[in-house]
Amino acid sequence: MTQIRPIPCGRPPKALAARVASVPYDVVDTREARALAAGNPVSFLHVCRPEIDLPDDTDPYADAVYRKGRENLDRFYTEGTLREDPVPRLFVYRQTWRGRTQDGLVAGCSVDDYDRDVIKKHEKTRPDKENDRVKHLVTQSAHGEPVFLTYRAVPAVDAKVAEVTAGAPEYDFEAPDGVRHTLWLVPVADDEFFVRAFANVPALYVADGHHRCASASRARAALRAENPVLAPDHPVNWFPAAIFPDRELAILPYNRVVRDLGAKSPGEFLAAVGGAFRIRHGAGPEPSKKGDFRMFFGGTWHGLDPIAPVDVRDPIGSLDVSVLQDRLLAPILGIGDPRTDKRIDFVGGIRGTKELEERVTAGRAAAAFSMFPTTLAELLAIADAGATMPPKSTWFEPKLRSGLFVHRF
């Protein structure tokens, strides 16, 4: 049984929505966040990346950063940048990008469901990122950024969502990155339908936002430590999420770049790769199917085909990201744990293969690998098995905007 409920939210007035809504905290660094928020005092980046309002040399994990985020959030409410809805609401959130549309329900999701694995995970989290988000949540007493969840589509839910989207939207704007964001208020009379419908959904799945989910759980645990008799209806027991049906989502590749070749010369590296993969010189940058890898090295693209067969019965070992890790990154380059090894970096498919070429050509990387995207069916199967995908296996796009649903606790 999946629990959802209408959620009390602070939201921007219509006239400010496009200016308030920002990219999520984790898709930009401090420099990029500062540039995006320049000249816009109501950008939610002032809340989710508050170091942009402090001196350039400020440690992004300093206590002053977390305090500044709380100060900025309080200011948003005081100045009317965010206004609390008079009643808890459900919303339908549509994203339109490159000719594709996805409609999701924004609701409060249960921390208990996350802890009991009714909300299923497919990735491990990094302690440093978790600690950062927990400190943001506890200091601000608020969830400012929704989690991106998915589920196996339910036709009745799809039909009711279509009824809602037939009406006039509350927000409708195009962000600078070309993604159109449209939001409808769900009529209060329809709340019960959605609550009951999702009670029959056996599981939700984290698509994007593992650290936000984990941080919601840890923030609730921190409040419970202070107040062991925390009321069941306390808002910290819930976190905001946008829940999309699986058939509307698309996964982009999550590409790899390596900073050096270890102790190998270029010739030794190519020879070692050739022992594990058939190398097709002069191939293009985009893989055509699962099991097709592309490598940018020596100023050109190469196709790589695994020489030894891949065991398709192994749901994790047969993932392309696993094959590359197990047959090239670890044995040839010595990158044993991609979660912690500083010699590897990951580039979301939204940045394109030109980004890979530029990093190598500029000398910031020694080689780059263009991947075929993991499928949603693979993700769901691994999550259902209670298994964990390798790090950086999926990149969902478009990203949810932050600052449109702020849930205070």
Protein backbone atom coordinates (compact mmCIF):
# COMPACT_ATOMS: atom_id res chain seq x y z
CA MET A 1 0.00 0.00 0.00
CA THR A 2 1.41 3.37 -1.06
CA GLN A 3 0.52 6.40 1.03
CA ILE A 4 0.14 9.83 -0.52
CA ARG A 5 -1.74 12.87 0.67
CA PRO A 6 -2.39 16.50 -0.24
CA ILE A 7 0.52 18.54 0.99
CA PRO A 8 0.68 22.02 2.53
CA CYS A 9 2.96 24.11 0.34
CA GLY A 10 4.44 27.52 0.05
CA ARG A 11 4.30 28.57 -3.60
CA PRO A 12 5.19 31.68 -5.60
CA PRO A 13 2.38 33.87 -6.93
CA LYS A 14 1.70 33.36 -10.63
CA ALA A 15 3.58 36.47 -11.68
CA LEU A 16 6.78 35.27 -9.96
CA ALA A 17 6.70 31.54 -10.68
CA ALA A 18 9.07 31.59 -13.65
CA ARG A 19 11.61 33.73 -11.78
CA VAL A 20 11.44 31.77 -8.53
CA ALA A 21 11.66 28.29 -10.09
CA SER A 22 15.28 27.18 -10.33
CA VAL A 23 17.28 24.18 -11.40
CA PRO A 24 17.85 21.63 -8.61
CA TYR A 25 20.76 22.16 -6.26
CA ASP A 26 22.71 19.18 -7.57
CA VAL A 27 22.89 19.91 -11.30
CA VAL A 28 25.01 23.06 -11.01
CA ASP A 29 28.13 24.00 -9.11
CA THR A 30 28.50 27.20 -7.10
CA ARG A 31 29.87 29.18 -10.02
CA GLU A 32 27.02 28.13 -12.32
CA ALA A 33 24.42 28.77 -9.62
CA ARG A 34 25.78 32.26 -9.01
CA ALA A 35 25.59 33.05 -12.72
CA LEU A 36 22.03 31.72 -13.06
CA ALA A 37 20.80 33.75 -10.07
CA ALA A 38 22.59 36.96 -11.03
CA GLY A 39 20.15 39.87 -11.10
CA ASN A 40 17.30 37.71 -9.80
CA PRO A 41 16.81 38.13 -6.03
CA VAL A 42 13.83 35.73 -6.03
CA SER A 43 15.58 32.76 -7.63
CA PHE A 44 15.23 29.71 -5.41
CA LEU A 45 18.96 29.17 -5.84
CA HIS A 46 19.33 31.70 -3.01
CA VAL A 47 17.72 29.04 -0.80
CA CYS A 48 19.05 25.75 -2.17
CA ARG A 49 22.55 27.08 -3.02
CA PRO A 50 22.86 29.94 -0.50
CA GLU A 51 26.65 30.08 -0.72
CA ILE A 52 26.08 32.24 -3.80
CA ASP A 53 25.20 35.10 -1.43
CA LEU A 54 28.41 34.76 0.56
CA PRO A 55 32.04 35.58 -0.35
CA ASP A 56 33.56 33.54 -3.16
CA ASP A 57 35.96 31.70 -0.88
CA THR A 58 33.21 30.47 1.48
CA ASP A 59 33.27 26.75 2.19
CA PRO A 60 29.92 25.48 0.78
CA TYR A 61 29.57 23.27 3.87
CA ALA A 62 30.21 26.03 6.41
CA ASP A 63 27.55 26.68 9.04
CA ALA A 64 27.14 30.18 7.62
CA VAL A 65 25.87 28.69 4.36
CA TYR A 66 23.05 26.78 6.05
CA ARG A 67 22.10 29.80 8.14
CA LYS A 68 22.03 31.96 5.01
CA GLY A 69 19.67 29.49 3.35
CA ARG A 70 17.26 29.75 6.29
CA GLU A 71 17.53 33.53 6.27
CA ASN A 72 16.73 33.66 2.55
CA LEU A 73 13.80 31.26 2.89
CA ASP A 74 12.31 33.29 5.73
CA ARG A 75 12.74 36.42 3.61
CA PHE A 76 10.88 34.81 0.71
CA TYR A 77 7.89 34.20 2.97
CA THR A 78 8.06 37.64 4.59
CA GLU A 79 8.25 39.44 1.24
CA GLY A 80 5.56 37.33 -0.45
CA THR A 81 7.89 35.53 -2.85
CA LEU A 82 6.37 32.38 -1.37
CA ARG A 83 2.82 32.19 -0.04
CA GLU A 84 1.37 29.32 1.96
CA ASP A 85 -1.63 27.61 0.38
CA PRO A 86 -4.68 27.93 2.66
CA VAL A 87 -5.30 24.17 2.46
CA PRO A 88 -3.10 21.17 1.58
CA ARG A 89 -3.21 20.49 -2.15
CA LEU A 90 -2.41 17.99 -4.86
CA PHE A 91 -1.09 19.25 -8.17
CA VAL A 92 -0.53 17.96 -11.67
CA TYR A 93 2.86 18.96 -13.00
CA ARG A 94 3.53 18.79 -16.75
CA GLN A 95 6.94 19.10 -18.35
CA THR A 96 7.29 19.56 -22.11
CA TRP A 97 10.69 19.23 -23.72
CA ARG A 98 11.90 18.41 -27.22
CA GLY A 99 8.44 17.37 -28.35
CA ARG A 100 7.82 15.06 -25.39
CA THR A 101 5.39 15.61 -22.50
CA GLN A 102 5.21 13.96 -19.09
CA ASP A 103 2.45 14.55 -16.53
CA GLY A 104 3.00 13.75 -12.86
CA LEU A 105 1.06 14.12 -9.62
CA VAL A 106 2.66 16.28 -6.93
CA ALA A 107 1.78 14.97 -3.49
CA GLY A 108 3.09 14.36 -0.04
CA CYS A 109 4.83 10.99 0.17
CA SER A 110 5.42 9.05 3.37
CA VAL A 111 8.78 8.83 5.08
CA ASP A 112 7.50 5.56 6.56
CA ASP A 113 7.04 4.22 3.02
CA TYR A 114 10.63 5.12 2.23
CA ASP A 115 11.91 3.47 5.41
CA ARG A 116 9.86 0.31 4.70
CA ASP A 117 11.00 0.16 1.06
CA VAL A 118 7.53 0.77 -0.35
CA ILE A 119 9.39 3.59 -2.07
CA LYS A 120 12.11 1.56 -3.73
CA LYS A 121 15.68 2.67 -4.35
CA HIS A 122 18.13 1.68 -7.04
CA GLU A 123 21.24 3.62 -5.97
CA LYS A 124 23.41 3.97 -2.92
CA THR A 125 23.80 7.45 -1.51
CA ARG A 126 27.01 9.28 -0.67
CA PRO A 127 27.35 10.16 3.03
CA ASP A 128 28.80 13.61 2.31
CA LYS A 129 25.87 14.57 0.06
CA GLU A 130 23.38 13.14 2.55
CA ASN A 131 24.94 15.08 5.41
CA ASP A 132 24.75 18.30 3.39
CA ARG A 133 21.06 17.86 2.55
CA VAL A 134 20.15 16.86 6.09
CA LYS A 135 21.76 20.03 7.41
CA HIS A 136 19.87 22.10 4.84
CA LEU A 137 16.56 20.46 5.79
CA VAL A 138 17.00 20.69 9.54
CA THR A 139 18.31 24.28 9.44
CA GLN A 140 15.54 25.46 7.12
CA SER A 141 12.82 23.22 8.60
CA ALA A 142 11.62 22.74 5.04
CA HIS A 143 11.74 20.58 1.95
CA GLY A 144 12.33 22.97 -0.91
CA GLU A 145 12.88 20.50 -3.74
CA PRO A 146 10.55 17.65 -4.69
CA VAL A 147 11.73 14.09 -5.22
CA PHE A 148 11.19 12.59 -8.69
CA LEU A 149 9.33 9.25 -8.37
CA THR A 150 7.82 6.84 -10.86
CA TYR A 151 5.38 3.91 -10.79
CA ARG A 152 3.87 1.41 -13.17
CA ALA A 153 1.14 3.37 -14.92
CA VAL A 154 -2.50 3.00 -13.85
CA PRO A 155 -5.04 3.82 -16.60
CA ALA A 156 -7.60 5.22 -14.15
CA VAL A 157 -5.02 7.63 -12.76
CA ASP A 158 -4.01 8.66 -16.27
CA ALA A 159 -7.66 9.40 -17.08
CA LYS A 160 -8.20 11.52 -13.98
CA VAL A 161 -4.97 13.45 -14.64
CA ALA A 162 -6.26 14.16 -18.15
CA GLU A 163 -9.45 15.59 -16.63
CA VAL A 164 -7.41 17.92 -14.44
CA THR A 165 -5.23 19.11 -17.32
CA ALA A 166 -8.29 19.94 -19.40
CA GLY A 167 -8.77 22.95 -17.13
CA ALA A 168 -6.85 26.20 -16.86
CA PRO A 169 -3.34 25.89 -15.37
CA GLU A 170 -2.06 27.73 -12.34
CA TYR A 171 1.44 28.18 -13.83
CA ASP A 172 2.62 27.90 -17.41
CA PHE A 173 6.11 29.10 -18.33
CA GLU A 174 9.17 28.12 -20.31
CA ALA A 175 12.44 28.00 -18.41
CA PRO A 176 15.68 29.33 -19.92
CA ASP A 177 16.75 25.76 -20.76
CA GLY A 178 13.74 25.35 -23.06
CA VAL A 179 11.65 23.13 -20.77
CA ARG A 180 8.04 24.20 -20.41
CA HIS A 181 6.56 23.79 -16.94
CA THR A 182 2.77 23.74 -16.48
CA LEU A 183 1.00 23.25 -13.17
CA TRP A 184 -2.66 22.57 -12.37
CA LEU A 185 -4.35 22.60 -8.97
CA VAL A 186 -6.20 19.34 -8.41
CA PRO A 187 -9.79 20.09 -7.35
CA VAL A 188 -10.18 19.26 -3.67
CA ALA A 189 -13.11 17.00 -4.61
CA ASP A 190 -10.65 14.76 -6.51
CA ASP A 191 -8.15 14.40 -3.67
CA GLU A 192 -9.76 11.25 -2.32
CA PHE A 193 -9.68 9.57 -5.74
CA PHE A 194 -5.92 9.97 -5.99
CA VAL A 195 -5.30 8.92 -2.38
CA ARG A 196 -7.36 5.74 -2.88
CA ALA A 197 -5.89 5.01 -6.30
CA PHE A 198 -2.32 5.16 -5.03
CA ALA A 199 -3.23 3.01 -2.04
CA ASN A 200 -3.55 0.22 -4.63
CA VAL A 201 -0.16 0.95 -6.22
CA PRO A 202 2.22 -1.63 -4.76
CA ALA A 203 5.36 0.50 -4.96
CA LEU A 204 6.86 3.80 -5.99
CA TYR A 205 10.39 4.03 -7.35
CA VAL A 206 12.98 6.77 -6.90
CA ALA A 207 13.88 8.03 -10.35
CA ASP A 208 15.88 11.06 -9.25
CA GLY A 209 16.42 12.23 -5.69
CA HIS A 210 17.90 9.39 -3.64
CA HIS A 211 19.74 11.86 -1.43
CA ARG A 212 16.58 13.93 -0.88
CA CYS A 213 14.65 10.83 0.19
CA ALA A 214 17.40 9.64 2.51
CA SER A 215 17.71 13.14 3.96
CA ALA A 216 13.97 13.32 4.60
CA SER A 217 14.25 10.12 6.60
CA ARG A 218 17.24 11.34 8.57
CA ALA A 219 15.65 14.74 9.24
CA ARG A 220 12.58 12.98 10.65
CA ALA A 221 14.84 10.81 12.81
CA ALA A 222 16.59 13.92 14.12
CA LEU A 223 13.29 15.49 15.16
CA ARG A 224 12.19 12.23 16.76
CA ALA A 225 15.39 12.17 18.78
CA GLU A 226 14.40 15.57 20.20
CA ASN A 227 10.72 14.63 20.56
CA PRO A 228 10.14 10.85 20.89
CA VAL A 229 6.35 11.35 20.87
CA LEU A 230 6.32 13.13 17.51
CA ALA A 231 2.71 13.20 16.31
CA PRO A 232 1.85 10.90 13.36
CA ASP A 233 0.46 13.85 11.41
CA HIS A 234 3.57 16.00 11.95
CA PRO A 235 4.61 17.41 8.56
CA VAL A 236 8.14 16.01 8.88
CA ASN A 237 6.60 12.57 8.26
CA TRP A 238 5.97 13.60 4.65
CA PHE A 239 8.03 15.02 1.81
CA PRO A 240 6.98 16.52 -1.55
CA ALA A 241 7.33 14.38 -4.66
CA ALA A 242 6.34 14.52 -8.31
CA ILE A 243 5.13 11.05 -9.27
CA PHE A 244 5.19 10.18 -12.99
CA PRO A 245 3.89 7.04 -14.72
CA ASP A 246 6.68 4.90 -16.10
CA ARG A 247 5.58 4.97 -19.73
CA GLU A 248 5.96 8.76 -19.94
CA LEU A 249 9.60 8.88 -18.81
CA ALA A 250 12.84 8.72 -20.74
CA ILE A 251 16.34 8.05 -19.45
CA LEU A 252 19.36 9.72 -21.02
CA PRO A 253 22.83 8.18 -20.92
CA TYR A 254 25.21 8.87 -18.07
CA ASN A 255 28.61 9.15 -19.70
CA ARG A 256 32.08 8.69 -18.20
CA VAL A 257 35.34 10.59 -18.43
CA VAL A 258 38.65 9.50 -16.91
CA ARG A 259 41.28 12.00 -15.92
CA ASP A 260 44.37 9.91 -16.66
CA LEU A 261 45.52 6.52 -17.91
CA GLY A 262 47.20 5.57 -14.67
CA ALA A 263 50.71 4.29 -15.39
CA LYS A 264 49.90 3.28 -18.96
CA SER A 265 51.13 4.97 -22.11
CA PRO A 266 48.54 5.66 -24.83
CA GLY A 267 49.76 2.65 -26.78
CA GLU A 268 49.61 0.35 -23.75
CA PHE A 269 46.10 1.60 -22.97
CA LEU A 270 44.81 0.91 -26.49
CA ALA A 271 46.41 -2.52 -26.51
CA ALA A 272 44.76 -3.39 -23.19
CA VAL A 273 41.37 -2.15 -24.41
CA GLY A 274 41.82 -4.24 -27.55
CA GLY A 275 42.23 -7.32 -25.38
CA ALA A 276 38.74 -6.89 -23.95
CA PHE A 277 36.87 -5.14 -26.78
CA ARG A 278 36.88 -5.21 -30.55
CA ILE A 279 37.84 -1.65 -31.48
CA ARG A 280 36.10 -0.01 -34.45
CA HIS A 281 38.18 3.01 -35.38
CA GLY A 282 36.36 6.06 -36.72
CA ALA A 283 32.94 5.22 -35.26
CA GLY A 284 30.57 8.05 -34.39
CA PRO A 285 29.98 9.31 -30.85
CA GLU A 286 26.48 7.87 -30.28
CA PRO A 287 25.99 4.19 -29.38
CA SER A 288 23.25 2.55 -31.46
CA LYS A 289 22.11 -0.12 -29.01
CA LYS A 290 22.76 -1.82 -25.69
CA GLY A 291 26.24 -3.33 -25.67
CA ASP A 292 27.62 -0.70 -28.03
CA PHE A 293 30.23 1.57 -26.40
CA ARG A 294 31.95 4.62 -27.87
CA MET A 295 35.30 5.93 -26.68
CA PHE A 296 36.85 9.32 -27.47
CA PHE A 297 40.61 8.95 -27.34
CA GLY A 298 43.48 10.28 -29.37
CA GLY A 299 41.32 12.93 -31.01
CA THR A 300 38.77 10.54 -32.50
CA TRP A 301 35.84 8.29 -31.62
CA HIS A 302 36.14 4.51 -31.49
CA GLY A 303 33.42 1.87 -31.20
CA LEU A 304 33.95 -0.85 -28.59
CA ASP A 305 32.27 -4.27 -28.71
CA PRO A 306 32.85 -6.66 -25.78
CA ILE A 307 34.77 -9.73 -26.92
CA ALA A 308 33.51 -12.10 -24.22
CA PRO A 309 29.71 -12.63 -24.18
CA VAL A 310 27.67 -10.70 -21.62
CA ASP A 311 25.44 -12.82 -19.37
CA VAL A 312 22.03 -11.26 -19.96
CA ARG A 313 20.59 -13.29 -17.06
CA ASP A 314 22.50 -11.06 -14.64
CA PRO A 315 20.36 -7.89 -14.32
CA ILE A 316 23.20 -5.82 -12.85
CA GLY A 317 26.25 -7.34 -14.48
CA SER A 318 24.65 -7.02 -17.93
CA LEU A 319 24.09 -3.27 -17.59
CA ASP A 320 26.34 -1.35 -19.96
CA VAL A 321 27.71 0.71 -17.09
CA SER A 322 28.67 -2.55 -15.34
CA VAL A 323 30.31 -4.03 -18.44
CA LEU A 324 32.43 -0.91 -18.93
CA GLN A 325 33.37 -0.85 -15.26
CA ASP A 326 34.16 -4.56 -14.97
CA ARG A 327 36.04 -4.96 -18.26
CA LEU A 328 37.79 -1.62 -18.74
CA LEU A 329 37.66 0.93 -15.95
CA ALA A 330 38.65 -1.44 -13.13
CA PRO A 331 41.04 -3.94 -14.76
CA ILE A 332 42.72 -1.59 -17.23
CA LEU A 333 42.65 1.79 -15.48
CA GLY A 334 42.49 0.65 -11.85
CA ILE A 335 39.29 2.56 -11.06
CA GLY A 336 37.89 0.14 -8.50
CA ASP A 337 35.09 2.15 -6.86
CA PRO A 338 33.57 4.80 -9.13
CA ARG A 339 31.63 6.21 -6.18
CA THR A 340 34.81 7.40 -4.49
CA ASP A 341 37.61 7.38 -7.07
CA LYS A 342 38.57 10.94 -7.99
CA ARG A 343 40.02 9.84 -11.34
CA ILE A 344 36.57 9.36 -12.88
CA ASP A 345 33.83 11.88 -13.52
CA PHE A 346 30.29 11.52 -14.84
CA VAL A 347 28.58 13.66 -17.47
CA GLY A 348 24.81 13.62 -17.86
CA GLY A 349 23.55 12.97 -21.37
CA ILE A 350 21.88 16.37 -21.47
CA ARG A 351 25.33 17.89 -22.03
CA GLY A 352 25.86 15.85 -25.18
CA THR A 353 28.95 14.16 -26.56
CA LYS A 354 30.54 17.50 -27.45
CA GLU A 355 31.15 17.99 -23.74
CA LEU A 356 33.11 14.73 -23.69
CA GLU A 357 35.21 15.77 -26.68
CA GLU A 358 35.93 19.18 -25.18
CA ARG A 359 37.14 17.76 -21.87
CA VAL A 360 39.56 15.39 -23.56
CA THR A 361 40.73 17.91 -26.17
CA ALA A 362 41.35 20.53 -23.48
CA GLY A 363 43.44 18.07 -21.47
CA ARG A 364 41.00 17.90 -18.56
CA ALA A 365 40.43 14.21 -19.27
CA ALA A 366 42.44 11.45 -20.93
CA ALA A 367 39.51 9.51 -22.40
CA ALA A 368 35.73 9.66 -22.50
CA PHE A 369 33.05 7.02 -22.93
CA SER A 370 29.63 7.58 -24.49
CA MET A 371 27.03 5.14 -23.17
CA PHE A 372 23.73 3.73 -24.41
CA PRO A 373 21.07 4.71 -21.83
CA THR A 374 19.86 2.32 -19.17
CA THR A 375 16.18 1.49 -19.69
CA LEU A 376 13.41 2.16 -17.20
CA ALA A 377 12.49 -1.54 -17.32
CA GLU A 378 16.02 -2.38 -16.15
CA LEU A 379 15.74 0.13 -13.32
CA LEU A 380 12.39 -1.21 -12.09
CA ALA A 381 13.52 -4.82 -12.25
CA ILE A 382 16.65 -4.12 -10.21
CA ALA A 383 14.72 -2.09 -7.64
CA ASP A 384 12.10 -4.85 -7.34
CA ALA A 385 14.89 -7.33 -6.66
CA GLY A 386 16.15 -5.15 -3.82
CA ALA A 387 19.44 -4.75 -5.65
CA THR A 388 21.53 -1.66 -6.28
CA MET A 389 22.57 -0.29 -9.63
CA PRO A 390 26.11 0.93 -10.17
CA PRO A 391 26.56 4.63 -9.42
CA LYS A 392 25.54 7.13 -12.06
CA SER A 393 23.57 4.63 -14.15
CA THR A 394 20.64 6.87 -15.07
CA TRP A 395 20.10 10.50 -16.01
CA PHE A 396 16.48 11.64 -16.10
CA GLU A 397 15.58 14.70 -18.10
CA PRO A 398 13.91 17.14 -17.85
CA LYS A 399 14.65 17.95 -14.24
CA LEU A 400 12.02 19.16 -11.80
CA ARG A 401 12.20 22.86 -10.96
CA SER A 402 12.85 23.77 -7.34
CA GLY A 403 10.93 26.35 -5.34
CA LEU A 404 7.44 25.64 -6.68
CA PHE A 405 6.40 23.45 -3.73
CA VAL A 406 8.07 24.30 -0.43
CA HIS A 407 6.95 22.05 2.41
CA ARG A 408 7.78 23.41 5.85
CA PHE A 409 7.93 21.29 8.98
